[in-house]
Protein backbone atom coordinates (compact mmCIF):
# COMPACT_ATOMS: atom_id res chain seq x y z
CA MET A 1 -4.31 -36.51 -17.22
CA ARG A 2 -3.06 -33.65 -15.07
CA HIS A 3 -3.76 -35.08 -11.61
CA GLY A 4 -1.37 -33.88 -8.91
CA LYS A 5 0.83 -31.80 -11.22
CA LYS A 6 1.23 -28.46 -9.47
CA ILE A 7 4.00 -26.96 -11.63
CA ASN A 8 3.17 -25.45 -15.00
CA HIS A 9 6.14 -26.43 -17.14
CA LEU A 10 5.40 -23.66 -19.65
CA GLY A 11 6.63 -25.88 -22.52
CA ARG A 12 10.27 -25.56 -21.42
CA THR A 13 12.99 -27.66 -19.89
CA ALA A 14 13.76 -27.18 -16.20
CA SER A 15 16.84 -25.04 -16.79
CA HIS A 16 15.07 -22.88 -19.37
CA ARG A 17 12.09 -22.45 -17.05
CA SER A 18 14.25 -21.45 -14.07
CA ALA A 19 16.15 -18.92 -16.22
CA LEU A 20 12.87 -17.50 -17.53
CA LEU A 21 11.38 -17.11 -14.05
CA SER A 22 14.60 -15.63 -12.68
CA ASN A 23 14.73 -13.00 -15.43
CA MET A 24 11.03 -12.19 -15.11
CA ALA A 25 11.35 -11.86 -11.32
CA SER A 26 14.31 -9.49 -11.72
CA SER A 27 12.36 -7.41 -14.22
CA LEU A 28 9.34 -7.28 -11.92
CA ILE A 29 11.45 -6.14 -8.96
CA LEU A 30 13.33 -3.50 -10.93
CA ASN A 31 10.38 -2.13 -12.96
CA LYS A 32 7.57 -2.83 -10.43
CA ARG A 33 5.25 -3.82 -13.32
CA ILE A 34 5.57 -6.13 -16.31
CA THR A 35 3.27 -7.31 -19.10
CA THR A 36 3.30 -11.04 -19.85
CA THR A 37 1.03 -13.99 -20.53
CA LEU A 38 -1.37 -15.18 -17.88
CA ALA A 39 0.27 -18.61 -17.52
CA LYS A 40 3.73 -17.09 -17.01
CA ALA A 41 2.37 -14.58 -14.51
CA LYS A 42 0.76 -17.32 -12.41
CA ALA A 43 4.01 -19.31 -12.44
CA LEU A 44 5.98 -16.17 -11.58
CA ARG A 45 3.72 -15.41 -8.62
CA LYS A 46 4.65 -18.73 -6.99
CA TYR A 47 8.31 -18.02 -7.72
CA VAL A 48 8.64 -14.41 -6.57
CA GLU A 49 6.40 -14.18 -3.49
CA PRO A 50 8.61 -16.42 -1.30
CA LEU A 51 11.60 -14.31 -2.36
CA ILE A 52 9.83 -11.12 -1.29
CA THR A 53 8.99 -12.77 2.04
CA LYS A 54 12.67 -13.60 2.53
CA ALA A 55 13.54 -9.96 1.84
CA LYS A 56 11.75 -8.91 5.04
CA ASP A 57 14.57 -10.51 7.03
CA ASN A 58 17.64 -8.54 5.95
CA THR A 59 20.42 -10.98 6.81
CA THR A 60 23.40 -12.20 4.84
CA HIS A 61 21.89 -15.67 4.59
CA SER A 62 18.61 -14.42 3.14
CA ARG A 63 20.45 -12.16 0.70
CA ARG A 64 22.54 -15.08 -0.55
CA THR A 65 19.49 -17.30 -0.83
CA VAL A 66 17.61 -14.71 -2.89
CA PHE A 67 20.69 -14.05 -5.04
CA SER A 68 20.91 -17.75 -5.86
CA TYR A 69 17.43 -17.46 -7.38
CA LEU A 70 17.68 -14.06 -9.08
CA GLN A 71 21.35 -13.98 -10.19
CA ASN A 72 21.19 -10.18 -10.44
CA LYS A 73 22.85 -7.88 -7.91
CA GLU A 74 20.79 -4.81 -8.81
CA SER A 75 17.48 -6.61 -8.34
CA VAL A 76 18.62 -8.08 -4.99
CA GLN A 77 19.68 -4.61 -3.84
CA THR A 78 16.33 -3.11 -4.91
CA LEU A 79 14.40 -5.98 -3.32
CA PHE A 80 16.09 -5.66 0.08
CA GLY A 81 16.09 -1.85 0.01
CA GLU A 82 13.12 -0.21 -1.65
CA VAL A 83 10.69 -3.13 -1.88
CA ALA A 84 11.27 -4.60 1.59
CA SER A 85 10.68 -1.23 3.27
CA ARG A 86 7.26 -0.87 1.62
CA ILE A 87 6.03 -4.43 2.23
CA ALA A 88 7.30 -4.73 5.80
CA ASP A 89 3.84 -4.78 7.40
CA ARG A 90 2.04 -6.77 4.66
CA PRO A 91 1.46 -10.43 5.62
CA GLY A 92 1.45 -11.73 2.03
CA GLY A 93 -0.02 -11.17 -1.41
CA TYR A 94 2.72 -8.90 -2.70
CA THR A 95 1.78 -9.18 -6.37
CA ARG A 96 -1.34 -8.40 -8.37
CA ILE A 97 -2.30 -9.89 -11.74
CA ILE A 98 -4.57 -7.71 -13.87
CA LYS A 99 -5.95 -9.39 -16.98
CA LEU A 100 -5.79 -7.27 -20.10
CA GLY A 101 -8.61 -7.40 -22.62
CA ASP A 102 -6.36 -7.97 -25.61
CA VAL A 103 -4.68 -11.18 -26.69
CA ARG A 104 -1.30 -11.69 -28.31
CA LEU A 105 -1.54 -11.58 -32.09
CA GLY A 106 0.74 -14.53 -32.83
CA ASP A 107 -0.82 -17.27 -30.73
CA ASN A 108 -3.93 -15.67 -29.17
CA ALA A 109 -2.48 -16.01 -25.64
CA ASP A 110 -4.25 -14.18 -22.81
CA MET A 111 -2.15 -11.21 -21.74
CA CYS A 112 -1.96 -9.68 -18.29
CA MET A 113 -0.10 -7.08 -16.33
CA MET A 114 1.68 -8.19 -13.16
CA GLU A 115 2.69 -5.60 -10.59
CA LEU A 116 3.89 -5.22 -7.04
CA VAL A 117 0.88 -4.21 -4.93
CA ASP A 118 2.45 -1.47 -2.81
CA PHE A 119 3.90 0.39 -5.81
CA ASN A 120 0.64 1.23 -7.57
CA GLU A 121 -0.07 4.89 -6.81
CA ILE A 122 -3.56 4.89 -8.37
CA TYR A 123 -5.00 2.33 -5.96
CA LYS A 124 -3.25 3.87 -2.96
CA LYS A 125 -4.82 7.31 -3.51
CA GLN A 126 -8.29 5.79 -3.80
CA ASP A 127 -7.81 3.78 -0.60
CA ILE A 128 -6.72 6.87 1.31
CA GLU A 129 -9.72 8.88 0.09
CA LYS A 130 -12.13 6.08 0.97
CA LYS A 131 -10.67 5.68 4.44
CA GLY A 132 -11.00 9.41 5.04
CA LYS A 133 -14.68 9.38 4.13
CA THR A 134 -15.72 6.21 5.94
CA ARG A 135 -13.90 6.79 9.21
CA ARG A 136 -16.51 8.71 11.12
CA SER A 137 -16.97 8.88 14.83
CA ARG A 138 -20.23 9.50 16.63
CA SER A 139 -19.10 12.92 17.77
CA ALA A 140 -17.93 14.11 14.36
CA GLY A 141 -20.53 16.90 14.35
CA LYS A 142 -19.67 18.06 17.86
CA LYS A 143 -16.96 20.62 18.46
CA GLU A 144 -13.92 19.98 20.56
CA ALA A 145 -13.35 22.04 23.70
CA GLY A 146 -10.83 24.38 22.05
CA ASP A 147 -12.85 25.01 18.87
CA VAL A 148 -14.76 28.31 18.91
CA THR A 149 -16.73 29.83 16.05
CA GLU A 150 -16.86 33.54 15.20
CA VAL A 151 -20.43 33.86 16.47
CA GLU A 152 -19.45 32.44 19.85
CA VAL A 153 -16.45 34.78 20.04
CA GLU A 154 -18.72 37.81 19.45
CA ALA A 155 -21.22 36.52 22.01
CA LYS A 156 -18.46 36.07 24.58
CA GLU A 157 -17.13 39.57 23.93
CA THR A 158 -20.56 41.16 24.42
CA SER A 159 -21.23 39.14 27.53
CA ALA A 160 -17.79 40.04 28.90
CA GLU A 161 -18.60 43.73 28.41
CA ASP A 162 -21.97 43.34 30.17
CA LYS A 163 -20.62 41.50 33.20
CA PRO A 164 -18.29 44.23 34.52
CA LYS A 165 -21.14 46.76 34.37
CA LYS A 166 -23.38 44.47 36.41
CA ALA A 167 -20.57 43.78 38.81
CA ALA A 168 -19.93 47.51 39.20
CA LYS A 169 -23.61 48.17 39.90
CA LYS A 170 -23.79 45.41 42.52
CA ALA A 171 -20.66 46.47 44.30
CA PRO A 172 -21.91 49.90 45.38
CA LYS A 173 -25.22 48.42 46.61
CA LYS A 174 -23.35 46.08 48.89
CA ALA A 175 -21.26 48.95 50.14
CA LYS A 176 -24.39 50.98 50.97
CA GLU A 177 -25.83 48.28 53.11
């Protein structure tokens, strides 16, 4: 039975599994998206998300801790530079697993695509468009004080021309009295 076993061993020894996850995490950080099996992606999610959380705190200690897991200088540099700047305000959930419809030919394994959430440009553009459409205030139809339409400008010009004539007519009447 599988009671209480939280780690998927992936059919490998401990050293082989740690090397596999380290290499997959490095590839994910450098390429921002990888295609793998569903079981490996779920194991990788538990492995890489704490490392990304550590990257938010850019100290020597956190860099050394992450390097001990990844064993790749380029991926550590990318993680603490490019990735950490994008995920700074995100409280968690840095990765996304998207199941692909096809299966692997050799063993019929379920395939998926794993990506870093903040680096998918397709979803970001849709979110921005949706936010623009749904963010409406009650006074969206009303004009601001400085906004003037062409019709109002013409009306103001005609009324401005009429007012001096009226003022000129009134002035002599007051003088006569």
